[in-house]
Amino acid sequence: MKTIEEIRADNFEAQRLVYVAKYKDLFPDRPEYGTRQHFGAKLGLSPAYVSHIKTGKKAIGSSTARDFETRLGLERGWFDNVHDVTDGPA
């Protein structure tokens, strides 16, 4: 069974993939839209913090998860549950 930290990290990556899919066709000349750093910037995160999420050095805490949900238009608690990559808007 996955920990809450692993679930939140997986959901962060899933939302990034939804974001990439959404913007890839709209802005084919902007490959930076596919980077974790660009997605992180949308969420107000530094590149270092995004890197730490990816490598598991930094966990996404409850208040940060709630902030991400607000910024992404997701229901409260979304980041705490296992989802299909296509769930919810990025």
PDB file of N, CA and C in Angstrom:
ATOM      1  N   MET A   1       0.845  -1.183   0.000  1.00  0.00           N
ATOM      2  CA  MET A   1       0.000   0.000   0.000  1.00  0.00           C
ATOM      3  C   MET A   1       0.891   1.249   0.000  1.00  0.00           C
ATOM      4  N   LYS A   2       0.515   2.215  -0.797  1.00  0.00           N
ATOM      5  CA  LYS A   2       1.294   3.451  -0.898  1.00  0.00           C
ATOM      6  C   LYS A   2       1.038   4.367   0.285  1.00  0.00           C
ATOM      7  N   THR A   3       2.064   5.127   0.625  1.00  0.00           N
ATOM      8  CA  THR A   3       1.918   6.134   1.664  1.00  0.00           C
ATOM      9  C   THR A   3       1.235   7.364   1.079  1.00  0.00           C
ATOM     10  N   ILE A   4       0.726   8.225   1.948  1.00  0.00           N
ATOM     11  CA  ILE A   4       0.094   9.469   1.497  1.00  0.00           C
ATOM     12  C   ILE A   4       1.085  10.320   0.722  1.00  0.00           C
ATOM     13  N   GLU A   5       2.348  10.286   1.121  1.00  0.00           N
ATOM     14  CA  GLU A   5       3.383  11.054   0.423  1.00  0.00           C
ATOM     15  C   GLU A   5       3.581  10.538  -1.000  1.00  0.00           C
ATOM     16  N   GLU A   6       3.563   9.215  -1.162  1.00  0.00           N
ATOM     17  CA  GLU A   6       3.713   8.626  -2.499  1.00  0.00           C
ATOM     18  C   GLU A   6       2.492   8.927  -3.364  1.00  0.00           C
ATOM     19  N   ILE A   7       1.313   8.847  -2.767  1.00  0.00           N
ATOM     20  CA  ILE A   7       0.081   9.150  -3.507  1.00  0.00           C
ATOM     21  C   ILE A   7       0.099  10.605  -3.979  1.00  0.00           C
ATOM     22  N   ARG A   8       0.460  11.525  -3.106  1.00  0.00           N
ATOM     23  CA  ARG A   8       0.504  12.939  -3.494  1.00  0.00           C
ATOM     24  C   ARG A   8       1.548  13.189  -4.577  1.00  0.00           C
ATOM     25  N   ALA A   9       2.711  12.550  -4.463  1.00  0.00           N
ATOM     26  CA  ALA A   9       3.743  12.712  -5.496  1.00  0.00           C
ATOM     27  C   ALA A   9       3.255  12.151  -6.831  1.00  0.00           C
ATOM     28  N   ASP A  10       2.581  11.002  -6.811  1.00  0.00           N
ATOM     29  CA  ASP A  10       2.019  10.429  -8.039  1.00  0.00           C
ATOM     30  C   ASP A  10       0.969  11.362  -8.640  1.00  0.00           C
ATOM     31  N   ASN A  11       0.138  11.948  -7.789  1.00  0.00           N
ATOM     32  CA  ASN A  11      -0.895  12.864  -8.279  1.00  0.00           C
ATOM     33  C   ASN A  11      -0.299  14.143  -8.840  1.00  0.00           C
ATOM     34  N   PHE A  12       0.792  14.606  -8.254  1.00  0.00           N
ATOM     35  CA  PHE A  12       1.492  15.771  -8.792  1.00  0.00           C
ATOM     36  C   PHE A  12       1.956  15.469 -10.216  1.00  0.00           C
ATOM     37  N   GLU A  13       2.569  14.303 -10.402  1.00  0.00           N
ATOM     38  CA  GLU A  13       3.049  13.919 -11.731  1.00  0.00           C
ATOM     39  C   GLU A  13       1.882  13.698 -12.683  1.00  0.00           C
ATOM     40  N   ALA A  14       0.794  13.111 -12.208  1.00  0.00           N
ATOM     41  CA  ALA A  14      -0.377  12.900 -13.060  1.00  0.00           C
ATOM     42  C   ALA A  14      -0.939  14.231 -13.543  1.00  0.00           C
ATOM     43  N   GLN A  15      -1.035  15.207 -12.645  1.00  0.00           N
ATOM     44  CA  GLN A  15      -1.540  16.521 -13.047  1.00  0.00           C
ATOM     45  C   GLN A  15      -0.581  17.211 -14.017  1.00  0.00           C
ATOM     46  N   ARG A  16       0.715  16.983 -13.834  1.00  0.00           N
ATOM     47  CA  ARG A  16       1.685  17.549 -14.786  1.00  0.00           C
ATOM     48  C   ARG A  16       1.455  16.953 -16.171  1.00  0.00           C
ATOM     49  N   LEU A  17       1.207  15.650 -16.245  1.00  0.00           N
ATOM     50  CA  LEU A  17       0.971  15.004 -17.534  1.00  0.00           C
ATOM     51  C   LEU A  17      -0.303  15.516 -18.196  1.00  0.00           C
ATOM     52  N   VAL A  18      -1.333  15.763 -17.400  1.00  0.00           N
ATOM     53  CA  VAL A  18      -2.568  16.345 -17.948  1.00  0.00           C
ATOM     54  C   VAL A  18      -2.276  17.745 -18.478  1.00  0.00           C
ATOM     55  N   TYR A  19      -1.481  18.506 -17.737  1.00  0.00           N
ATOM     56  CA  TYR A  19      -1.084  19.860 -18.141  1.00  0.00           C
ATOM     57  C   TYR A  19      -0.325  19.821 -19.461  1.00  0.00           C
ATOM     58  N   VAL A  20       0.630  18.881 -19.579  1.00  0.00           N
ATOM     59  CA  VAL A  20       1.414  18.742 -20.812  1.00  0.00           C
ATOM     60  C   VAL A  20       0.494  18.421 -21.978  1.00  0.00           C
ATOM     61  N   ALA A  21      -0.402  17.461 -21.790  1.00  0.00           N
ATOM     62  CA  ALA A  21      -1.319  17.072 -22.862  1.00  0.00           C
ATOM     63  C   ALA A  21      -2.186  18.246 -23.298  1.00  0.00           C
ATOM     64  N   LYS A  22      -2.604  19.042 -22.346  1.00  0.00           N
ATOM     65  CA  LYS A  22      -3.473  20.186 -22.642  1.00  0.00           C
ATOM     66  C   LYS A  22      -2.741  21.242 -23.466  1.00  0.00           C
ATOM     67  N   TYR A  23      -1.499  21.540 -23.113  1.00  0.00           N
ATOM     68  CA  TYR A  23      -0.783  22.635 -23.749  1.00  0.00           C
ATOM     69  C   TYR A  23       0.107  22.234 -24.919  1.00  0.00           C
ATOM     70  N   LYS A  24       0.402  20.948 -25.070  1.00  0.00           N
ATOM     71  CA  LYS A  24       1.273  20.490 -26.143  1.00  0.00           C
ATOM     72  C   LYS A  24       0.714  20.862 -27.513  1.00  0.00           C
ATOM     73  N   ASP A  25      -0.559  20.629 -27.711  1.00  0.00           N
ATOM     74  CA  ASP A  25      -1.184  20.937 -28.997  1.00  0.00           C
ATOM     75  C   ASP A  25      -1.444  22.430 -29.176  1.00  0.00           C
ATOM     76  N   LEU A  26      -1.748  23.113 -28.086  1.00  0.00           N
ATOM     77  CA  LEU A  26      -2.029  24.547 -28.171  1.00  0.00           C
ATOM     78  C   LEU A  26      -0.769  25.367 -28.461  1.00  0.00           C
ATOM     79  N   PHE A  27       0.366  24.929 -27.910  1.00  0.00           N
ATOM     80  CA  PHE A  27       1.616  25.674 -28.037  1.00  0.00           C
ATOM     81  C   PHE A  27       2.759  24.752 -28.454  1.00  0.00           C
ATOM     82  N   PRO A  28       2.725  24.230 -29.691  1.00  0.00           N
ATOM     83  CA  PRO A  28       3.762  23.283 -30.111  1.00  0.00           C
ATOM     84  C   PRO A  28       5.167  23.893 -30.134  1.00  0.00           C
ATOM     85  N   ASP A  29       5.255  25.203 -30.225  1.00  0.00           N
ATOM     86  CA  ASP A  29       6.562  25.874 -30.251  1.00  0.00           C
ATOM     87  C   ASP A  29       7.060  26.225 -28.855  1.00  0.00           C
ATOM     88  N   ARG A  30       6.383  25.767 -27.802  1.00  0.00           N
ATOM     89  CA  ARG A  30       6.766  26.064 -26.421  1.00  0.00           C
ATOM     90  C   ARG A  30       7.030  24.766 -25.648  1.00  0.00           C
ATOM     91  N   PRO A  31       8.119  24.049 -25.937  1.00  0.00           N
ATOM     92  CA  PRO A  31       8.380  22.766 -25.269  1.00  0.00           C
ATOM     93  C   PRO A  31       8.550  22.885 -23.760  1.00  0.00           C
ATOM     94  N   GLU A  32       8.850  24.077 -23.259  1.00  0.00           N
ATOM     95  CA  GLU A  32       9.008  24.236 -21.811  1.00  0.00           C
ATOM     96  C   GLU A  32       7.704  23.972 -21.065  1.00  0.00           C
ATOM     97  N   TYR A  33       6.566  24.031 -21.772  1.00  0.00           N
ATOM     98  CA  TYR A  33       5.296  23.749 -21.112  1.00  0.00           C
ATOM     99  C   TYR A  33       5.216  22.302 -20.633  1.00  0.00           C
ATOM    100  N   GLY A  34       6.076  21.445 -21.143  1.00  0.00           N
ATOM    101  CA  GLY A  34       6.090  20.052 -20.728  1.00  0.00           C
ATOM    102  C   GLY A  34       7.001  19.764 -19.555  1.00  0.00           C
ATOM    103  N   THR A  35       7.702  20.755 -19.052  1.00  0.00           N
ATOM    104  CA  THR A  35       8.642  20.499 -17.964  1.00  0.00           C
ATOM    105  C   THR A  35       7.969  20.554 -16.602  1.00  0.00           C
ATOM    106  N   ARG A  36       8.541  19.829 -15.677  1.00  0.00           N
ATOM    107  CA  ARG A  36       8.058  19.879 -14.295  1.00  0.00           C
ATOM    108  C   ARG A  36       8.226  21.292 -13.738  1.00  0.00           C
ATOM    109  N   GLN A  37       9.309  21.960 -14.127  1.00  0.00           N
ATOM    110  CA  GLN A  37       9.558  23.297 -13.606  1.00  0.00           C
ATOM    111  C   GLN A  37       8.485  24.278 -14.055  1.00  0.00           C
ATOM    112  N   HIS A  38       8.049  24.167 -15.288  1.00  0.00           N
ATOM    113  CA  HIS A  38       7.004  25.068 -15.783  1.00  0.00           C
ATOM    114  C   HIS A  38       5.688  24.796 -15.064  1.00  0.00           C
ATOM    115  N   PHE A  39       5.361  23.511 -14.908  1.00  0.00           N
ATOM    116  CA  PHE A  39       4.150  23.159 -14.174  1.00  0.00           C
ATOM    117  C   PHE A  39       4.271  23.629 -12.726  1.00  0.00           C
ATOM    118  N   GLY A  40       5.440  23.444 -12.135  1.00  0.00           N
ATOM    119  CA  GLY A  40       5.676  23.905 -10.770  1.00  0.00           C
ATOM    120  C   GLY A  40       5.510  25.406 -10.638  1.00  0.00           C
ATOM    121  N   ALA A  41       5.996  26.142 -11.635  1.00  0.00           N
ATOM    122  CA  ALA A  41       5.867  27.604 -11.605  1.00  0.00           C
ATOM    123  C   ALA A  41       4.391  28.002 -11.605  1.00  0.00           C
ATOM    124  N   LYS A  42       3.570  27.248 -12.320  1.00  0.00           N
ATOM    125  CA  LYS A  42       2.121  27.511 -12.319  1.00  0.00           C
ATOM    126  C   LYS A  42       1.563  27.373 -10.897  1.00  0.00           C
ATOM    127  N   LEU A  43       2.181  26.496 -10.119  1.00  0.00           N
ATOM    128  CA  LEU A  43       1.744  26.268  -8.746  1.00  0.00           C
ATOM    129  C   LEU A  43       2.500  27.121  -7.736  1.00  0.00           C
ATOM    130  N   GLY A  44       3.382  27.993  -8.231  1.00  0.00           N
ATOM    131  CA  GLY A  44       4.134  28.868  -7.333  1.00  0.00           C
ATOM    132  C   GLY A  44       5.323  28.201  -6.675  1.00  0.00           C
ATOM    133  N   LEU A  45       5.870  27.160  -7.314  1.00  0.00           N
ATOM    134  CA  LEU A  45       6.979  26.404  -6.735  1.00  0.00           C
ATOM    135  C   LEU A  45       8.305  26.746  -7.398  1.00  0.00           C
ATOM    136  N   SER A  46       9.360  26.672  -6.635  1.00  0.00           N
ATOM    137  CA  SER A  46      10.697  26.864  -7.188  1.00  0.00           C
ATOM    138  C   SER A  46      11.118  25.592  -7.922  1.00  0.00           C
ATOM    139  N   PRO A  47      12.037  25.709  -8.888  1.00  0.00           N
ATOM    140  CA  PRO A  47      12.548  24.509  -9.564  1.00  0.00           C
ATOM    141  C   PRO A  47      13.154  23.502  -8.588  1.00  0.00           C
ATOM    142  N   ALA A  48      13.805  23.985  -7.544  1.00  0.00           N
ATOM    143  CA  ALA A  48      14.408  23.083  -6.560  1.00  0.00           C
ATOM    144  C   ALA A  48      13.337  22.273  -5.834  1.00  0.00           C
ATOM    145  N   TYR A  49      12.240  22.911  -5.456  1.00  0.00           N
ATOM    146  CA  TYR A  49      11.164  22.208  -4.756  1.00  0.00           C
ATOM    147  C   TYR A  49      10.556  21.147  -5.661  1.00  0.00           C
ATOM    148  N   VAL A  50      10.354  21.488  -6.923  1.00  0.00           N
ATOM    149  CA  VAL A  50       9.801  20.535  -7.887  1.00  0.00           C
ATOM    150  C   VAL A  50      10.738  19.340  -8.024  1.00  0.00           C
ATOM    151  N   SER A  51      12.021  19.596  -8.112  1.00  0.00           N
ATOM    152  CA  SER A  51      13.012  18.525  -8.204  1.00  0.00           C
ATOM    153  C   SER A  51      12.970  17.634  -6.968  1.00  0.00           C
ATOM    154  N   HIS A  52      12.817  18.238  -5.808  1.00  0.00           N
ATOM    155  CA  HIS A  52      12.766  17.471  -4.561  1.00  0.00           C
ATOM    156  C   HIS A  52      11.505  16.610  -4.484  1.00  0.00           C
ATOM    157  N   ILE A  53      10.402  17.079  -5.039  1.00  0.00           N
ATOM    158  CA  ILE A  53       9.191  16.259  -5.103  1.00  0.00           C
ATOM    159  C   ILE A  53       9.455  15.049  -5.996  1.00  0.00           C
ATOM    160  N   LYS A  54      10.050  15.296  -7.156  1.00  0.00           N
ATOM    161  CA  LYS A  54      10.318  14.227  -8.121  1.00  0.00           C
ATOM    162  C   LYS A  54      11.230  13.157  -7.540  1.00  0.00           C
ATOM    163  N   THR A  55      12.259  13.563  -6.819  1.00  0.00           N
ATOM    164  CA  THR A  55      13.227  12.604  -6.289  1.00  0.00           C
ATOM    165  C   THR A  55      12.817  12.013  -4.946  1.00  0.00           C
ATOM    166  N   GLY A  56      11.744  12.517  -4.375  1.00  0.00           N
ATOM    167  CA  GLY A  56      11.289  12.014  -3.094  1.00  0.00           C
ATOM    168  C   GLY A  56      11.982  12.631  -1.896  1.00  0.00           C
ATOM    169  N   LYS A  57      12.808  13.648  -2.121  1.00  0.00           N
ATOM    170  CA  LYS A  57      13.491  14.326  -1.016  1.00  0.00           C
ATOM    171  C   LYS A  57      12.549  15.229  -0.233  1.00  0.00           C
ATOM    172  N   LYS A  58      11.474  15.644  -0.875  1.00  0.00           N
ATOM    173  CA  LYS A  58      10.501  16.536  -0.238  1.00  0.00           C
ATOM    174  C   LYS A  58       9.113  15.948  -0.451  1.00  0.00           C
ATOM    175  N   ALA A  59       8.377  15.829   0.620  1.00  0.00           N
ATOM    176  CA  ALA A  59       7.000  15.331   0.534  1.00  0.00           C
ATOM    177  C   ALA A  59       6.044  16.511   0.397  1.00  0.00           C
ATOM    178  N   ILE A  60       4.927  16.261  -0.223  1.00  0.00           N
ATOM    179  CA  ILE A  60       3.875  17.266  -0.327  1.00  0.00           C
ATOM    180  C   ILE A  60       3.018  17.149   0.925  1.00  0.00           C
ATOM    181  N   GLY A  61       3.072  18.162   1.770  1.00  0.00           N
ATOM    182  CA  GLY A  61       2.297  18.166   3.009  1.00  0.00           C
ATOM    183  C   GLY A  61       0.836  18.494   2.769  1.00  0.00           C
ATOM    184  N   SER A  62       0.053  18.386   3.823  1.00  0.00           N
ATOM    185  CA  SER A  62      -1.395  18.619   3.714  1.00  0.00           C
ATOM    186  C   SER A  62      -1.738  20.021   3.236  1.00  0.00           C
ATOM    187  N   SER A  63      -1.110  21.036   3.822  1.00  0.00           N
ATOM    188  CA  SER A  63      -1.461  22.409   3.422  1.00  0.00           C
ATOM    189  C   SER A  63      -1.023  22.685   1.990  1.00  0.00           C
ATOM    190  N   THR A  64       0.100  22.121   1.580  1.00  0.00           N
ATOM    191  CA  THR A  64       0.562  22.293   0.196  1.00  0.00           C
ATOM    192  C   THR A  64      -0.382  21.576  -0.761  1.00  0.00           C
ATOM    193  N   ALA A  65      -0.818  20.385  -0.398  1.00  0.00           N
ATOM    194  CA  ALA A  65      -1.762  19.644  -1.233  1.00  0.00           C
ATOM    195  C   ALA A  65      -3.058  20.428  -1.412  1.00  0.00           C
ATOM    196  N   ARG A  66      -3.551  21.034  -0.316  1.00  0.00           N
ATOM    197  CA  ARG A  66      -4.791  21.831  -0.409  1.00  0.00           C
ATOM    198  C   ARG A  66      -4.575  23.041  -1.326  1.00  0.00           C
ATOM    199  N   ASP A  67      -3.398  23.656  -1.240  1.00  0.00           N
ATOM    200  CA  ASP A  67      -3.081  24.798  -2.101  1.00  0.00           C
ATOM    201  C   ASP A  67      -3.064  24.366  -3.563  1.00  0.00           C
ATOM    202  N   PHE A  68      -2.437  23.223  -3.863  1.00  0.00           N
ATOM    203  CA  PHE A  68      -2.411  22.713  -5.239  1.00  0.00           C
ATOM    204  C   PHE A  68      -3.828  22.475  -5.744  1.00  0.00           C
ATOM    205  N   GLU A  69      -4.666  21.883  -4.907  1.00  0.00           N
ATOM    206  CA  GLU A  69      -6.046  21.614  -5.307  1.00  0.00           C
ATOM    207  C   GLU A  69      -6.776  22.901  -5.656  1.00  0.00           C
ATOM    208  N   THR A  70      -6.587  23.918  -4.859  1.00  0.00           N
ATOM    209  CA  THR A  70      -7.215  25.209  -5.130  1.00  0.00           C
ATOM    210  C   THR A  70      -6.709  25.782  -6.447  1.00  0.00           C
ATOM    211  N   ARG A  71      -5.402  25.794  -6.629  1.00  0.00           N
ATOM    212  CA  ARG A  71      -4.814  26.370  -7.843  1.00  0.00           C
ATOM    213  C   ARG A  71      -5.188  25.610  -9.108  1.00  0.00           C
ATOM    214  N   LEU A  72      -5.421  24.302  -8.973  1.00  0.00           N
ATOM    215  CA  LEU A  72      -5.745  23.479 -10.135  1.00  0.00           C
ATOM    216  C   LEU A  72      -7.248  23.281 -10.322  1.00  0.00           C
ATOM    217  N   GLY A  73      -8.052  23.832  -9.420  1.00  0.00           N
ATOM    218  CA  GLY A  73      -9.497  23.693  -9.543  1.00  0.00           C
ATOM    219  C   GLY A  73      -9.993  22.291  -9.213  1.00  0.00           C
ATOM    220  N   LEU A  74      -9.301  21.615  -8.319  1.00  0.00           N
ATOM    221  CA  LEU A  74      -9.679  20.263  -7.920  1.00  0.00           C
ATOM    222  C   LEU A  74     -10.419  20.307  -6.588  1.00  0.00           C
ATOM    223  N   GLU A  75     -11.230  19.289  -6.345  1.00  0.00           N
ATOM    224  CA  GLU A  75     -11.948  19.247  -5.072  1.00  0.00           C
ATOM    225  C   GLU A  75     -10.983  19.009  -3.921  1.00  0.00           C
ATOM    226  N   ARG A  76     -11.365  19.504  -2.770  1.00  0.00           N
ATOM    227  CA  ARG A  76     -10.543  19.352  -1.562  1.00  0.00           C
ATOM    228  C   ARG A  76     -10.329  17.868  -1.272  1.00  0.00           C
ATOM    229  N   GLY A  77      -9.092  17.483  -1.037  1.00  0.00           N
ATOM    230  CA  GLY A  77      -8.739  16.102  -0.743  1.00  0.00           C
ATOM    231  C   GLY A  77      -8.334  15.292  -1.962  1.00  0.00           C
ATOM    232  N   TRP A  78      -8.447  15.895  -3.153  1.00  0.00           N
ATOM    233  CA  TRP A  78      -8.115  15.171  -4.387  1.00  0.00           C
ATOM    234  C   TRP A  78      -6.703  14.602  -4.342  1.00  0.00           C
ATOM    235  N   PHE A  79      -5.743  15.370  -3.869  1.00  0.00           N
ATOM    236  CA  PHE A  79      -4.348  14.934  -3.863  1.00  0.00           C
ATOM    237  C   PHE A  79      -4.092  13.771  -2.902  1.00  0.00           C
ATOM    238  N   ASP A  80      -5.033  13.473  -2.029  1.00  0.00           N
ATOM    239  CA  ASP A  80      -4.844  12.422  -1.028  1.00  0.00           C
ATOM    240  C   ASP A  80      -5.362  11.055  -1.477  1.00  0.00           C
ATOM    241  N   ASN A  81      -5.906  10.971  -2.675  1.00  0.00           N
ATOM    242  CA  ASN A  81      -6.500   9.725  -3.161  1.00  0.00           C
ATOM    243  C   ASN A  81      -5.861   9.287  -4.471  1.00  0.00           C
ATOM    244  N   VAL A  82      -5.892   7.997  -4.721  1.00  0.00           N
ATOM    245  CA  VAL A  82      -5.363   7.434  -5.964  1.00  0.00           C
ATOM    246  C   VAL A  82      -6.349   7.748  -7.086  1.00  0.00           C
ATOM    247  N   HIS A  83      -5.791   8.220  -8.227  1.00  0.00           N
ATOM    248  CA  HIS A  83      -6.622   8.594  -9.378  1.00  0.00           C
ATOM    249  C   HIS A  83      -6.013   8.089 -10.669  1.00  0.00           C
ATOM    250  N   ASP A  84      -6.859   8.022 -11.675  1.00  0.00           N
ATOM    251  CA  ASP A  84      -6.417   7.809 -13.042  1.00  0.00           C
ATOM    252  C   ASP A  84      -5.767   9.108 -13.496  1.00  0.00           C
ATOM    253  N   VAL A  85      -4.767   9.041 -14.339  1.00  0.00           N
ATOM    254  CA  VAL A  85      -4.044  10.222 -14.795  1.00  0.00           C
ATOM    255  C   VAL A  85      -4.961  11.254 -15.449  1.00  0.00           C
ATOM    256  N   THR A  86      -6.097  10.831 -15.976  1.00  0.00           N
ATOM    257  CA  THR A  86      -6.979  11.768 -16.682  1.00  0.00           C
ATOM    258  C   THR A  86      -7.980  12.448 -15.759  1.00  0.00           C
ATOM    259  N   ASP A  87      -7.972  12.121 -14.468  1.00  0.00           N
ATOM    260  CA  ASP A  87      -8.922  12.736 -13.530  1.00  0.00           C
ATOM    261  C   ASP A  87      -8.580  14.189 -13.264  1.00  0.00           C
ATOM    262  N   GLY A  88      -9.547  15.036 -13.415  1.00  0.00           N
ATOM    263  CA  GLY A  88      -9.386  16.429 -13.000  1.00  0.00           C
ATOM    264  C   GLY A  88      -8.595  17.282 -13.965  1.00  0.00           C
ATOM    265  N   PRO A  89      -8.854  18.582 -13.958  1.00  0.00           N
ATOM    266  CA  PRO A  89      -8.162  19.514 -14.842  1.00  0.00           C
ATOM    267  C   PRO A  89      -6.785  19.882 -14.328  1.00  0.00           C
ATOM    268  N   ALA A  90      -5.911  20.191 -15.241  1.00  0.00           N
ATOM    269  CA  ALA A  90      -4.594  20.724 -14.852  1.00  0.00           C
ATOM    270  C   ALA A  90      -4.497  22.144 -15.311  1.00  0.00           C
TER     271      ALA A  90
END
